Amino acid sequence: MTPTVAPFPAARLRRTRQSPALRGLVRENVLCVQDLIWPVFVRDGEDVEEPVNSMPGVVRRSVDKVVEAAQEAAALGIPAICLFPYTDPAKKTPGCEEAWNPDNLSNRATRAIKAAVPDIAVMTDVALDPYNSDGHDGFVVEGEIVNDATVKALVKQALSQADAGADIIGPSDMMDGRIGALRRALEETGHSNVTLLSYAAKYASAFYGPFRDAVGASGALKGDKTTYQMDPANSDEALRLVARDLAEGADMVMIKPGMPYLDICRRVKDTFGAPTFAYQVSGEYAMIAGAAQNGWIDGDRAMMESLLAFKRAGCDGILTYFAPAAARLLQQA
């Protein structure tokens, strides 16, 4: 686009900023409740809401409380809720067998939500780190995170989630070839309508720290994830990864983290035109929520500005811990 602007004073660009009515008429991007997916943490127990210290206002919930959260989300118009389990350390093993246990936390929560709030979409996470005694997204063999054996395990995990009623499966592991393997397995087992939202461009980021606290992975992690998550210096590589995942059968793609990678969101949307999501990750949330808690910024304004930035960058939707708070403000608008 080449803008055409008359010379001043014929063009006074402030004219359309003079009132809420005029600003609304020329607004280029709009955030709505339907853009939001709410990530929640699920843990064992009953009637439990346990604060996550590094994420002000965020809690780990027992399954019954997760159902209440899903009911709250539905009442607010939030279309989807995403589950992340806080697994008992005693159930974490090198073989990650709990990942495909039909009665693991994620699957129990999925069934409970679908029974109570059938119209809300349930998204689940496919990666081995919540179940791995090594804290990695894949199997660790002699210090190497191995790819192909991990993919076979991820297929078992995804099928258990689909059997439990998951609507959206989110592979966040960053193993090569997993989207094709998951799509084939879902088709072969009668789960052809299950949607794959691929974490296609997931960076090896410092912004994940509070999330690892929330799912209990921080203490277990040995080393780092730089051999499978992306180098923050790379942009063209993200396009290759997205192209591959779409070609293998991803329905939607995710960029993670969000705000530090808005340029990637814009490039992905412009290049592929596919449904594009961003994850406003735990570190991004904690910075805004923590600064607001200390009175350093206007928390509501910063929250809404940050979410609108994703829409401006081309995103169709956002995973954000702010989802309920943002939805309430949007209902008041």
C-alpha atoms as a PDB file:
ATOM      1  CA  MET A   1       0.000   0.000   0.000  1.00  0.00           C
ATOM      2  CA  THR A   2       1.216   3.481  -0.925  1.00  0.00           C
ATOM      3  CA  PRO A   3      -0.591   6.069   1.204  1.00  0.00           C
ATOM      4  CA  THR A   4      -1.901   9.180  -0.542  1.00  0.00           C
ATOM      5  CA  VAL A   5      -1.936  12.197   1.754  1.00  0.00           C
ATOM      6  CA  ALA A   6      -2.893  15.730   0.810  1.00  0.00           C
ATOM      7  CA  PRO A   7      -0.584  18.537   1.928  1.00  0.00           C
ATOM      8  CA  PHE A   8      -1.282  20.293   5.230  1.00  0.00           C
ATOM      9  CA  PRO A   9      -3.726  21.844   6.075  1.00  0.00           C
ATOM     10  CA  ALA A  10      -5.970  19.922   3.642  1.00  0.00           C
ATOM     11  CA  ALA A  11      -4.815  16.836   5.479  1.00  0.00           C
ATOM     12  CA  ARG A  12      -5.006  17.108   9.229  1.00  0.00           C
ATOM     13  CA  LEU A  13      -4.493  13.525  10.381  1.00  0.00           C
ATOM     14  CA  ARG A  14      -5.709  14.409  13.868  1.00  0.00           C
ATOM     15  CA  ARG A  15      -9.249  15.020  12.543  1.00  0.00           C
ATOM     16  CA  THR A  16     -10.230  11.373  12.832  1.00  0.00           C
ATOM     17  CA  ARG A  17      -8.887  11.193  16.387  1.00  0.00           C
ATOM     18  CA  GLN A  18     -11.137  13.913  17.812  1.00  0.00           C
ATOM     19  CA  SER A  19     -13.785  11.747  19.463  1.00  0.00           C
ATOM     20  CA  PRO A  20     -14.514   8.149  20.460  1.00  0.00           C
ATOM     21  CA  ALA A  21     -17.020   7.940  17.605  1.00  0.00           C
ATOM     22  CA  LEU A  22     -14.494   8.999  14.975  1.00  0.00           C
ATOM     23  CA  ARG A  23     -11.732   6.824  16.413  1.00  0.00           C
ATOM     24  CA  GLY A  24     -14.092   3.864  16.345  1.00  0.00           C
ATOM     25  CA  LEU A  25     -15.049   4.459  12.729  1.00  0.00           C
ATOM     26  CA  VAL A  26     -11.441   4.339  11.486  1.00  0.00           C
ATOM     27  CA  ARG A  27     -10.105   1.693  13.888  1.00  0.00           C
ATOM     28  CA  GLU A  28      -8.135  -0.876  11.889  1.00  0.00           C
ATOM     29  CA  ASN A  29      -8.124  -3.774  14.372  1.00  0.00           C
ATOM     30  CA  VAL A  30     -10.602  -4.907  16.992  1.00  0.00           C
ATOM     31  CA  LEU A  31     -10.112  -7.349  19.870  1.00  0.00           C
ATOM     32  CA  CYS A  32     -13.109  -9.476  20.835  1.00  0.00           C
ATOM     33  CA  VAL A  33     -13.794 -12.227  23.365  1.00  0.00           C
ATOM     34  CA  GLN A  34     -13.878 -14.831  20.572  1.00  0.00           C
ATOM     35  CA  ASP A  35     -10.159 -14.194  19.988  1.00  0.00           C
ATOM     36  CA  LEU A  36      -9.177 -15.638  23.384  1.00  0.00           C
ATOM     37  CA  ILE A  37      -8.069 -19.064  24.607  1.00  0.00           C
ATOM     38  CA  TRP A  38      -7.612 -19.374  28.374  1.00  0.00           C
ATOM     39  CA  PRO A  39      -4.721 -21.591  29.575  1.00  0.00           C
ATOM     40  CA  VAL A  40      -5.377 -23.198  32.971  1.00  0.00           C
ATOM     41  CA  PHE A  41      -3.290 -25.440  35.220  1.00  0.00           C
ATOM     42  CA  VAL A  42      -4.806 -28.615  36.640  1.00  0.00           C
ATOM     43  CA  ARG A  43      -3.559 -30.565  39.644  1.00  0.00           C
ATOM     44  CA  ASP A  44      -4.647 -33.472  41.831  1.00  0.00           C
ATOM     45  CA  GLY A  45      -7.036 -33.033  44.740  1.00  0.00           C
ATOM     46  CA  GLU A  46     -10.485 -31.668  45.317  1.00  0.00           C
ATOM     47  CA  ASP A  47     -11.650 -28.108  45.928  1.00  0.00           C
ATOM     48  CA  VAL A  48      -8.078 -26.867  45.427  1.00  0.00           C
ATOM     49  CA  GLU A  49      -6.977 -23.487  44.080  1.00  0.00           C
ATOM     50  CA  GLU A  50      -3.255 -23.159  44.709  1.00  0.00           C
ATOM     51  CA  PRO A  51      -1.539 -19.858  43.794  1.00  0.00           C
ATOM     52  CA  VAL A  52       1.394 -19.864  41.377  1.00  0.00           C
ATOM     53  CA  ASN A  53       3.791 -17.478  43.107  1.00  0.00           C
ATOM     54  CA  SER A  54       5.521 -16.288  39.940  1.00  0.00           C
ATOM     55  CA  MET A  55       2.205 -15.540  38.169  1.00  0.00           C
ATOM     56  CA  PRO A  56       0.089 -13.111  40.232  1.00  0.00           C
ATOM     57  CA  GLY A  57      -3.580 -14.084  40.093  1.00  0.00           C
ATOM     58  CA  VAL A  58      -2.980 -17.485  38.464  1.00  0.00           C
ATOM     59  CA  VAL A  59      -3.727 -20.724  40.324  1.00  0.00           C
ATOM     60  CA  ARG A  60      -3.423 -24.476  39.902  1.00  0.00           C
ATOM     61  CA  ARG A  61      -6.904 -25.971  40.077  1.00  0.00           C
ATOM     62  CA  SER A  62      -8.193 -29.412  40.973  1.00  0.00           C
ATOM     63  CA  VAL A  63     -10.434 -30.977  38.320  1.00  0.00           C
ATOM     64  CA  ASP A  64     -13.649 -29.794  39.981  1.00  0.00           C
ATOM     65  CA  LYS A  65     -12.318 -26.249  40.039  1.00  0.00           C
ATOM     66  CA  VAL A  66     -11.190 -26.531  36.404  1.00  0.00           C
ATOM     67  CA  VAL A  67     -14.796 -27.371  35.535  1.00  0.00           C
ATOM     68  CA  GLU A  68     -15.866 -24.204  37.349  1.00  0.00           C
ATOM     69  CA  ALA A  69     -13.275 -22.265  35.365  1.00  0.00           C
ATOM     70  CA  ALA A  70     -14.691 -23.689  32.131  1.00  0.00           C
ATOM     71  CA  GLN A  71     -18.184 -22.645  33.209  1.00  0.00           C
ATOM     72  CA  GLU A  72     -16.857 -19.152  33.956  1.00  0.00           C
ATOM     73  CA  ALA A  73     -15.178 -19.020  30.543  1.00  0.00           C
ATOM     74  CA  ALA A  74     -18.357 -20.091  28.762  1.00  0.00           C
ATOM     75  CA  ALA A  75     -20.399 -17.466  30.630  1.00  0.00           C
ATOM     76  CA  LEU A  76     -17.908 -14.815  29.495  1.00  0.00           C
ATOM     77  CA  GLY A  77     -18.047 -15.982  25.876  1.00  0.00           C
ATOM     78  CA  ILE A  78     -14.480 -17.329  25.827  1.00  0.00           C
ATOM     79  CA  PRO A  79     -14.573 -20.076  23.164  1.00  0.00           C
ATOM     80  CA  ALA A  80     -11.775 -22.349  24.378  1.00  0.00           C
ATOM     81  CA  ILE A  81      -9.845 -23.417  27.450  1.00  0.00           C
ATOM     82  CA  CYS A  82      -6.390 -25.024  27.315  1.00  0.00           C
ATOM     83  CA  LEU A  83      -5.238 -27.570  29.904  1.00  0.00           C
ATOM     84  CA  PHE A  84      -1.756 -27.942  31.367  1.00  0.00           C
ATOM     85  CA  PRO A  85      -1.191 -30.569  34.080  1.00  0.00           C
ATOM     86  CA  TYR A  86       0.849 -30.230  37.262  1.00  0.00           C
ATOM     87  CA  THR A  87       1.914 -33.857  37.547  1.00  0.00           C
ATOM     88  CA  ASP A  88       2.829 -35.541  40.811  1.00  0.00           C
ATOM     89  CA  PRO A  89       6.656 -35.927  40.721  1.00  0.00           C
ATOM     90  CA  ALA A  90       6.201 -39.587  41.699  1.00  0.00           C
ATOM     91  CA  LYS A  91       4.491 -40.154  38.335  1.00  0.00           C
ATOM     92  CA  LYS A  92       7.322 -38.621  36.316  1.00  0.00           C
ATOM     93  CA  THR A  93       9.566 -41.228  34.686  1.00  0.00           C
ATOM     94  CA  PRO A  94      12.167 -41.431  31.912  1.00  0.00           C
ATOM     95  CA  GLY A  95       9.570 -43.357  29.878  1.00  0.00           C
ATOM     96  CA  CYS A  96       6.837 -40.723  30.408  1.00  0.00           C
ATOM     97  CA  GLU A  97       4.122 -43.401  30.584  1.00  0.00           C
ATOM     98  CA  GLU A  98       1.718 -41.078  32.426  1.00  0.00           C
ATOM     99  CA  ALA A  99       1.476 -38.955  29.256  1.00  0.00           C
ATOM    100  CA  TRP A 100      -0.912 -41.438  27.616  1.00  0.00           C
ATOM    101  CA  ASN A 101      -2.608 -42.763  30.735  1.00  0.00           C
ATOM    102  CA  PRO A 102      -6.372 -42.475  29.988  1.00  0.00           C
ATOM    103  CA  ASP A 103      -6.887 -41.315  33.567  1.00  0.00           C
ATOM    104  CA  ASN A 104      -4.122 -38.748  33.796  1.00  0.00           C
ATOM    105  CA  LEU A 105      -4.998 -35.237  34.972  1.00  0.00           C
ATOM    106  CA  SER A 106      -5.416 -33.746  31.505  1.00  0.00           C
ATOM    107  CA  ASN A 107      -7.740 -36.505  30.302  1.00  0.00           C
ATOM    108  CA  ARG A 108      -9.828 -36.498  33.485  1.00  0.00           C
ATOM    109  CA  ALA A 109     -10.221 -32.743  33.262  1.00  0.00           C
ATOM    110  CA  THR A 110     -11.160 -32.931  29.582  1.00  0.00           C
ATOM    111  CA  ARG A 111     -13.916 -35.479  30.239  1.00  0.00           C
ATOM    112  CA  ALA A 112     -15.237 -33.481  33.188  1.00  0.00           C
ATOM    113  CA  ILE A 113     -15.343 -30.237  31.204  1.00  0.00           C
ATOM    114  CA  LYS A 114     -17.048 -31.826  28.201  1.00  0.00           C
ATOM    115  CA  ALA A 115     -19.659 -33.388  30.506  1.00  0.00           C
ATOM    116  CA  ALA A 116     -20.423 -30.082  32.229  1.00  0.00           C
ATOM    117  CA  VAL A 117     -19.819 -27.512  29.465  1.00  0.00           C
ATOM    118  CA  PRO A 118     -20.070 -29.434  26.181  1.00  0.00           C
ATOM    119  CA  ASP A 119     -20.007 -26.377  23.930  1.00  0.00           C
ATOM    120  CA  ILE A 120     -16.670 -24.979  25.091  1.00  0.00           C
ATOM    121  CA  ALA A 121     -13.674 -26.169  23.090  1.00  0.00           C
ATOM    122  CA  VAL A 122     -11.032 -28.020  25.098  1.00  0.00           C
ATOM    123  CA  MET A 123      -7.443 -27.684  23.939  1.00  0.00           C
ATOM    124  CA  THR A 124      -4.735 -30.018  25.223  1.00  0.00           C
ATOM    125  CA  ASP A 125      -0.955 -29.922  25.166  1.00  0.00           C
ATOM    126  CA  VAL A 126       1.119 -32.593  23.424  1.00  0.00           C
ATOM    127  CA  ALA A 127       4.647 -32.749  24.842  1.00  0.00           C
ATOM    128  CA  LEU A 128       6.363 -35.021  27.325  1.00  0.00           C
ATOM    129  CA  ASP A 129       7.801 -32.434  29.725  1.00  0.00           C
ATOM    130  CA  PRO A 130       4.986 -32.603  32.346  1.00  0.00           C
ATOM    131  CA  TYR A 131       5.614 -36.363  32.636  1.00  0.00           C
ATOM    132  CA  ASN A 132       9.360 -36.583  32.057  1.00  0.00           C
ATOM    133  CA  SER A 133      11.704 -36.976  35.025  1.00  0.00           C
ATOM    134  CA  ASP A 134      14.296 -35.176  32.873  1.00  0.00           C
ATOM    135  CA  GLY A 135      11.972 -32.202  32.282  1.00  0.00           C
ATOM    136  CA  HIS A 136      12.309 -32.315  28.495  1.00  0.00           C
ATOM    137  CA  ASP A 137       9.634 -32.390  25.808  1.00  0.00           C
ATOM    138  CA  GLY A 138      11.103 -35.616  24.437  1.00  0.00           C
ATOM    139  CA  PHE A 139      12.891 -38.753  25.543  1.00  0.00           C
ATOM    140  CA  VAL A 140      16.476 -38.261  26.712  1.00  0.00           C
ATOM    141  CA  VAL A 141      18.956 -40.946  25.632  1.00  0.00           C
ATOM    142  CA  GLU A 142      22.586 -40.484  26.648  1.00  0.00           C
ATOM    143  CA  GLY A 143      22.076 -36.734  26.902  1.00  0.00           C
ATOM    144  CA  GLU A 144      20.326 -36.405  23.521  1.00  0.00           C
ATOM    145  CA  ILE A 145      16.653 -35.530  23.122  1.00  0.00           C
ATOM    146  CA  VAL A 146      15.772 -38.146  20.526  1.00  0.00           C
ATOM    147  CA  ASN A 147      13.282 -37.283  17.821  1.00  0.00           C
ATOM    148  CA  ASP A 148      11.677 -40.337  16.245  1.00  0.00           C
ATOM    149  CA  ALA A 149      11.002 -42.348  19.411  1.00  0.00           C
ATOM    150  CA  THR A 150       9.520 -39.197  20.932  1.00  0.00           C
ATOM    151  CA  VAL A 151       7.158 -38.764  17.989  1.00  0.00           C
ATOM    152  CA  LYS A 152       5.786 -42.280  18.535  1.00  0.00           C
ATOM    153  CA  ALA A 153       5.109 -41.402  22.178  1.00  0.00           C
ATOM    154  CA  LEU A 154       3.464 -38.116  21.213  1.00  0.00           C
ATOM    155  CA  VAL A 155       1.073 -40.021  18.955  1.00  0.00           C
ATOM    156  CA  LYS A 156       0.009 -42.189  21.905  1.00  0.00           C
ATOM    157  CA  GLN A 157      -0.419 -39.094  24.061  1.00  0.00           C
ATOM    158  CA  ALA A 158      -2.506 -37.290  21.434  1.00  0.00           C
ATOM    159  CA  LEU A 159      -4.752 -40.290  20.832  1.00  0.00           C
ATOM    160  CA  SER A 160      -5.478 -40.583  24.554  1.00  0.00           C
ATOM    161  CA  GLN A 161      -6.443 -36.897  24.556  1.00  0.00           C
ATOM    162  CA  ALA A 162      -8.671 -37.310  21.501  1.00  0.00           C
ATOM    163  CA  ASP A 163     -10.336 -40.336  23.118  1.00  0.00           C
ATOM    164  CA  ALA A 164     -11.027 -38.178  26.195  1.00  0.00           C
ATOM    165  CA  GLY A 165     -12.857 -35.617  24.038  1.00  0.00           C
ATOM    166  CA  ALA A 166     -10.261 -32.943  23.239  1.00  0.00           C
ATOM    167  CA  ASP A 167     -11.378 -30.629  20.437  1.00  0.00           C
ATOM    168  CA  ILE A 168      -7.989 -29.033  19.751  1.00  0.00           C
ATOM    169  CA  ILE A 169      -4.639 -30.740  20.184  1.00  0.00           C
ATOM    170  CA  GLY A 170      -1.626 -28.478  20.536  1.00  0.00           C
ATOM    171  CA  PRO A 171       1.719 -30.165  19.802  1.00  0.00           C
ATOM    172  CA  SER A 172       4.238 -27.939  21.602  1.00  0.00           C
ATOM    173  CA  ASP A 173       7.216 -30.302  21.531  1.00  0.00           C
ATOM    174  CA  MET A 174       8.984 -29.065  18.361  1.00  0.00           C
ATOM    175  CA  MET A 175      10.020 -32.548  17.209  1.00  0.00           C
ATOM    176  CA  ASP A 176      10.446 -33.002  13.442  1.00  0.00           C
ATOM    177  CA  GLY A 177       7.654 -34.878  11.679  1.00  0.00           C
ATOM    178  CA  ARG A 178       5.202 -34.942  14.531  1.00  0.00           C
ATOM    179  CA  ILE A 179       2.380 -33.109  12.748  1.00  0.00           C
ATOM    180  CA  GLY A 180       2.274 -35.623   9.910  1.00  0.00           C
ATOM    181  CA  ALA A 181       2.402 -38.535  12.348  1.00  0.00           C
ATOM    182  CA  LEU A 182      -0.348 -37.069  14.515  1.00  0.00           C
ATOM    183  CA  ARG A 183      -2.608 -36.278  11.570  1.00  0.00           C
ATOM    184  CA  ARG A 184      -2.264 -39.802  10.137  1.00  0.00           C
ATOM    185  CA  ALA A 185      -2.973 -41.390  13.516  1.00  0.00           C
ATOM    186  CA  LEU A 186      -6.006 -39.218  14.164  1.00  0.00           C
ATOM    187  CA  GLU A 187      -7.441 -40.048  10.738  1.00  0.00           C
ATOM    188  CA  GLU A 188      -6.805 -43.766  11.162  1.00  0.00           C
ATOM    189  CA  THR A 189      -8.539 -43.905  14.568  1.00  0.00           C
ATOM    190  CA  GLY A 190     -11.707 -42.024  13.650  1.00  0.00           C
ATOM    191  CA  HIS A 191     -10.654 -38.652  15.045  1.00  0.00           C
ATOM    192  CA  SER A 192     -10.701 -36.840  11.722  1.00  0.00           C
ATOM    193  CA  ASN A 193     -12.499 -33.819  13.202  1.00  0.00           C
ATOM    194  CA  VAL A 194      -9.901 -33.157  15.907  1.00  0.00           C
ATOM    195  CA  THR A 195      -8.095 -29.903  15.147  1.00  0.00           C
ATOM    196  CA  LEU A 196      -4.305 -29.582  15.239  1.00  0.00           C
ATOM    197  CA  LEU A 197      -3.037 -26.221  16.454  1.00  0.00           C
ATOM    198  CA  SER A 198       0.683 -26.641  15.931  1.00  0.00           C
ATOM    199  CA  TYR A 199       3.223 -24.714  17.965  1.00  0.00           C
ATOM    200  CA  ALA A 200       5.047 -24.322  14.677  1.00  0.00           C
ATOM    201  CA  ALA A 201       7.450 -21.544  15.673  1.00  0.00           C
ATOM    202  CA  LYS A 202       8.301 -22.063  19.326  1.00  0.00           C
ATOM    203  CA  TYR A 203      11.437 -20.281  20.461  1.00  0.00           C
ATOM    204  CA  ALA A 204      13.930 -21.314  23.148  1.00  0.00           C
ATOM    205  CA  SER A 205      12.893 -18.380  25.300  1.00  0.00           C
ATOM    206  CA  ALA A 206      13.651 -17.006  28.745  1.00  0.00           C
ATOM    207  CA  PHE A 207       9.978 -16.005  29.026  1.00  0.00           C
ATOM    208  CA  TYR A 208       8.796 -19.532  29.955  1.00  0.00           C
ATOM    209  CA  GLY A 209      10.149 -19.526  33.513  1.00  0.00           C
ATOM    210  CA  PRO A 210       6.899 -18.962  35.450  1.00  0.00           C
ATOM    211  CA  PHE A 211       5.109 -21.611  33.356  1.00  0.00           C
ATOM    212  CA  ARG A 212       7.708 -24.201  34.329  1.00  0.00           C
ATOM    213  CA  ASP A 213       7.070 -23.279  37.953  1.00  0.00           C
ATOM    214  CA  ALA A 214       3.341 -23.717  37.389  1.00  0.00           C
ATOM    215  CA  VAL A 215       3.643 -27.231  35.929  1.00  0.00           C
ATOM    216  CA  GLY A 216       6.480 -28.279  38.236  1.00  0.00           C
ATOM    217  CA  ALA A 217       9.041 -28.717  35.454  1.00  0.00           C
ATOM    218  CA  SER A 218      11.674 -26.230  36.632  1.00  0.00           C
ATOM    219  CA  GLY A 219      13.397 -28.522  39.114  1.00  0.00           C
ATOM    220  CA  ALA A 220      13.293 -31.542  36.815  1.00  0.00           C
ATOM    221  CA  LEU A 221      14.814 -29.886  33.737  1.00  0.00           C
ATOM    222  CA  LYS A 222      18.368 -30.944  33.004  1.00  0.00           C
ATOM    223  CA  GLY A 223      20.131 -28.650  30.549  1.00  0.00           C
ATOM    224  CA  ASP A 224      18.086 -26.519  28.161  1.00  0.00           C
ATOM    225  CA  LYS A 225      15.851 -26.936  25.126  1.00  0.00           C
ATOM    226  CA  THR A 226      17.969 -25.254  22.472  1.00  0.00           C
ATOM    227  CA  THR A 227      18.423 -28.399  20.373  1.00  0.00           C
ATOM    228  CA  TYR A 228      14.718 -28.528  19.512  1.00  0.00           C
ATOM    229  CA  GLN A 229      13.210 -25.108  20.223  1.00  0.00           C
ATOM    230  CA  MET A 230      14.087 -22.256  17.879  1.00  0.00           C
ATOM    231  CA  ASP A 231      17.002 -19.835  18.090  1.00  0.00           C
ATOM    232  CA  PRO A 232      15.594 -16.377  18.988  1.00  0.00           C
ATOM    233  CA  ALA A 233      17.860 -14.875  16.322  1.00  0.00           C
ATOM    234  CA  ASN A 234      16.035 -16.638  13.466  1.00  0.00           C
ATOM    235  CA  SER A 235      13.074 -15.426  11.440  1.00  0.00           C
ATOM    236  CA  ASP A 236      13.254 -17.157   8.033  1.00  0.00           C
ATOM    237  CA  GLU A 237      13.469 -20.522   9.812  1.00  0.00           C
ATOM    238  CA  ALA A 238      10.053 -19.862  11.341  1.00  0.00           C
ATOM    239  CA  LEU A 239       8.536 -19.651   7.868  1.00  0.00           C
ATOM    240  CA  ARG A 240      10.084 -22.980   6.895  1.00  0.00           C
ATOM    241  CA  LEU A 241       8.687 -24.607  10.032  1.00  0.00           C
ATOM    242  CA  VAL A 242       5.208 -23.194   9.483  1.00  0.00           C
ATOM    243  CA  ALA A 243       5.238 -24.266   5.826  1.00  0.00           C
ATOM    244  CA  ARG A 244       6.218 -27.797   6.850  1.00  0.00           C
ATOM    245  CA  ASP A 245       3.559 -28.097   9.545  1.00  0.00           C
ATOM    246  CA  LEU A 246       0.797 -26.817   7.261  1.00  0.00           C
ATOM    247  CA  ALA A 247       1.917 -29.255   4.572  1.00  0.00           C
ATOM    248  CA  GLU A 248       1.786 -32.115   7.094  1.00  0.00           C
ATOM    249  CA  GLY A 249      -1.778 -31.339   8.167  1.00  0.00           C
ATOM    250  CA  ALA A 250      -1.808 -28.594  10.791  1.00  0.00           C
ATOM    251  CA  ASP A 251      -5.111 -26.696  10.777  1.00  0.00           C
ATOM    252  CA  MET A 252      -3.773 -23.691  12.660  1.00  0.00           C
ATOM    253  CA  VAL A 253      -0.312 -22.513  13.677  1.00  0.00           C
ATOM    254  CA  MET A 254       1.112 -20.894  16.788  1.00  0.00           C
ATOM    255  CA  ILE A 255       3.980 -18.499  17.447  1.00  0.00           C
ATOM    256  CA  LYS A 256       5.412 -18.676  20.968  1.00  0.00           C
ATOM    257  CA  PRO A 257       6.268 -16.444  22.828  1.00  0.00           C
ATOM    258  CA  GLY A 258       4.041 -13.626  21.649  1.00  0.00           C
ATOM    259  CA  MET A 259       5.044 -10.009  22.077  1.00  0.00           C
ATOM    260  CA  PRO A 260       8.817 -10.463  21.563  1.00  0.00           C
ATOM    261  CA  TYR A 261       7.938 -12.199  18.267  1.00  0.00           C
ATOM    262  CA  LEU A 262       5.236  -9.982  16.754  1.00  0.00           C
ATOM    263  CA  ASP A 263       7.378  -9.715  13.627  1.00  0.00           C
ATOM    264  CA  ILE A 264       7.099 -13.487  13.210  1.00  0.00           C
ATOM    265  CA  CYS A 265       3.308 -13.322  13.633  1.00  0.00           C
ATOM    266  CA  ARG A 266       3.108 -10.712  10.876  1.00  0.00           C
ATOM    267  CA  ARG A 267       5.366 -12.636   8.497  1.00  0.00           C
ATOM    268  CA  VAL A 268       3.508 -15.902   9.050  1.00  0.00           C
ATOM    269  CA  LYS A 269       0.086 -14.356   8.458  1.00  0.00           C
ATOM    270  CA  ASP A 270       1.196 -12.440   5.389  1.00  0.00           C
ATOM    271  CA  THR A 271       2.990 -15.431   3.892  1.00  0.00           C
ATOM    272  CA  PHE A 272       0.478 -18.219   4.487  1.00  0.00           C
ATOM    273  CA  GLY A 273      -2.890 -16.649   5.309  1.00  0.00           C
ATOM    274  CA  ALA A 274      -3.580 -19.619   7.607  1.00  0.00           C
ATOM    275  CA  PRO A 275      -5.256 -19.266  11.014  1.00  0.00           C
ATOM    276  CA  THR A 276      -2.437 -17.805  13.101  1.00  0.00           C
ATOM    277  CA  PHE A 277      -2.256 -17.730  16.893  1.00  0.00           C
ATOM    278  CA  ALA A 278       0.191 -16.401  19.447  1.00  0.00           C
ATOM    279  CA  TYR A 279       0.775 -17.478  23.024  1.00  0.00           C
ATOM    280  CA  GLN A 280       1.191 -14.601  25.451  1.00  0.00           C
ATOM    281  CA  VAL A 281       3.394 -16.709  27.663  1.00  0.00           C
ATOM    282  CA  SER A 282       3.866 -16.776  31.415  1.00  0.00           C
ATOM    283  CA  GLY A 283       6.803 -14.372  31.476  1.00  0.00           C
ATOM    284  CA  GLU A 284       4.910 -11.798  29.434  1.00  0.00           C
ATOM    285  CA  TYR A 285       1.911 -12.165  31.736  1.00  0.00           C
ATOM    286  CA  ALA A 286       4.046 -11.960  34.887  1.00  0.00           C
ATOM    287  CA  MET A 287       5.756  -8.748  33.769  1.00  0.00           C
ATOM    288  CA  ILE A 288       2.450  -6.976  33.203  1.00  0.00           C
ATOM    289  CA  ALA A 289       0.643  -8.456  36.216  1.00  0.00           C
ATOM    290  CA  GLY A 290       3.629  -7.936  38.506  1.00  0.00           C
ATOM    291  CA  ALA A 291       4.146  -4.323  37.431  1.00  0.00           C
ATOM    292  CA  ALA A 292       0.432  -3.636  37.872  1.00  0.00           C
ATOM    293  CA  GLN A 293       0.460  -5.249  41.326  1.00  0.00           C
ATOM    294  CA  ASN A 294       3.234  -2.857  42.314  1.00  0.00           C
ATOM    295  CA  GLY A 295       1.410   0.164  40.931  1.00  0.00           C
ATOM    296  CA  TRP A 296       4.006   0.796  38.239  1.00  0.00           C
ATOM    297  CA  ILE A 297       1.593   0.600  35.296  1.00  0.00           C
ATOM    298  CA  ASP A 298      -2.139   0.696  34.661  1.00  0.00           C
ATOM    299  CA  GLY A 299      -2.722  -3.061  34.531  1.00  0.00           C
ATOM    300  CA  ASP A 300      -5.998  -3.038  32.605  1.00  0.00           C
ATOM    301  CA  ARG A 301      -4.729  -0.652  29.932  1.00  0.00           C
ATOM    302  CA  ALA A 302      -1.441  -2.521  29.537  1.00  0.00           C
ATOM    303  CA  MET A 303      -3.279  -5.841  29.316  1.00  0.00           C
ATOM    304  CA  MET A 304      -5.659  -4.670  26.595  1.00  0.00           C
ATOM    305  CA  GLU A 305      -2.924  -2.860  24.669  1.00  0.00           C
ATOM    306  CA  SER A 306      -0.768  -5.990  24.686  1.00  0.00           C
ATOM    307  CA  LEU A 307      -3.641  -8.150  23.413  1.00  0.00           C
ATOM    308  CA  LEU A 308      -4.551  -5.688  20.673  1.00  0.00           C
ATOM    309  CA  ALA A 309      -0.931  -5.788  19.509  1.00  0.00           C
ATOM    310  CA  PHE A 310      -1.418  -9.438  18.524  1.00  0.00           C
ATOM    311  CA  LYS A 311      -4.423  -8.563  16.357  1.00  0.00           C
ATOM    312  CA  ARG A 312      -2.481  -5.730  14.733  1.00  0.00           C
ATOM    313  CA  ALA A 313       0.327  -8.195  13.959  1.00  0.00           C
ATOM    314  CA  GLY A 314      -2.107 -10.456  12.106  1.00  0.00           C
ATOM    315  CA  CYS A 315      -3.104 -13.001  14.737  1.00  0.00           C
ATOM    316  CA  ASP A 316      -6.535 -14.584  14.618  1.00  0.00           C
ATOM    317  CA  GLY A 317      -6.417 -15.543  18.289  1.00  0.00           C
ATOM    318  CA  ILE A 318      -4.356 -15.405  21.472  1.00  0.00           C
ATOM    319  CA  LEU A 319      -3.657 -17.834  24.295  1.00  0.00           C
ATOM    320  CA  THR A 320      -3.495 -15.623  27.357  1.00  0.00           C
ATOM    321  CA  TYR A 321      -3.801 -15.926  31.122  1.00  0.00           C
ATOM    322  CA  PHE A 322      -5.578 -12.573  30.962  1.00  0.00           C
ATOM    323  CA  ALA A 323      -8.541 -14.104  29.103  1.00  0.00           C
ATOM    324  CA  PRO A 324     -11.205 -13.784  31.872  1.00  0.00           C
ATOM    325  CA  ALA A 325     -10.132 -10.279  32.893  1.00  0.00           C
ATOM    326  CA  ALA A 326      -9.987  -9.146  29.264  1.00  0.00           C
ATOM    327  CA  ALA A 327     -13.372 -10.713  28.535  1.00  0.00           C
ATOM    328  CA  ARG A 328     -14.977  -8.812  31.407  1.00  0.00           C
ATOM    329  CA  LEU A 329     -13.595  -5.501  30.141  1.00  0.00           C
ATOM    330  CA  LEU A 330     -14.727  -6.288  26.602  1.00  0.00           C
ATOM    331  CA  GLN A 331     -18.244  -7.010  27.864  1.00  0.00           C
ATOM    332  CA  GLN A 332     -18.308  -3.574  29.492  1.00  0.00           C
ATOM    333  CA  ALA A 333     -17.154  -1.770  26.345  1.00  0.00           C
END
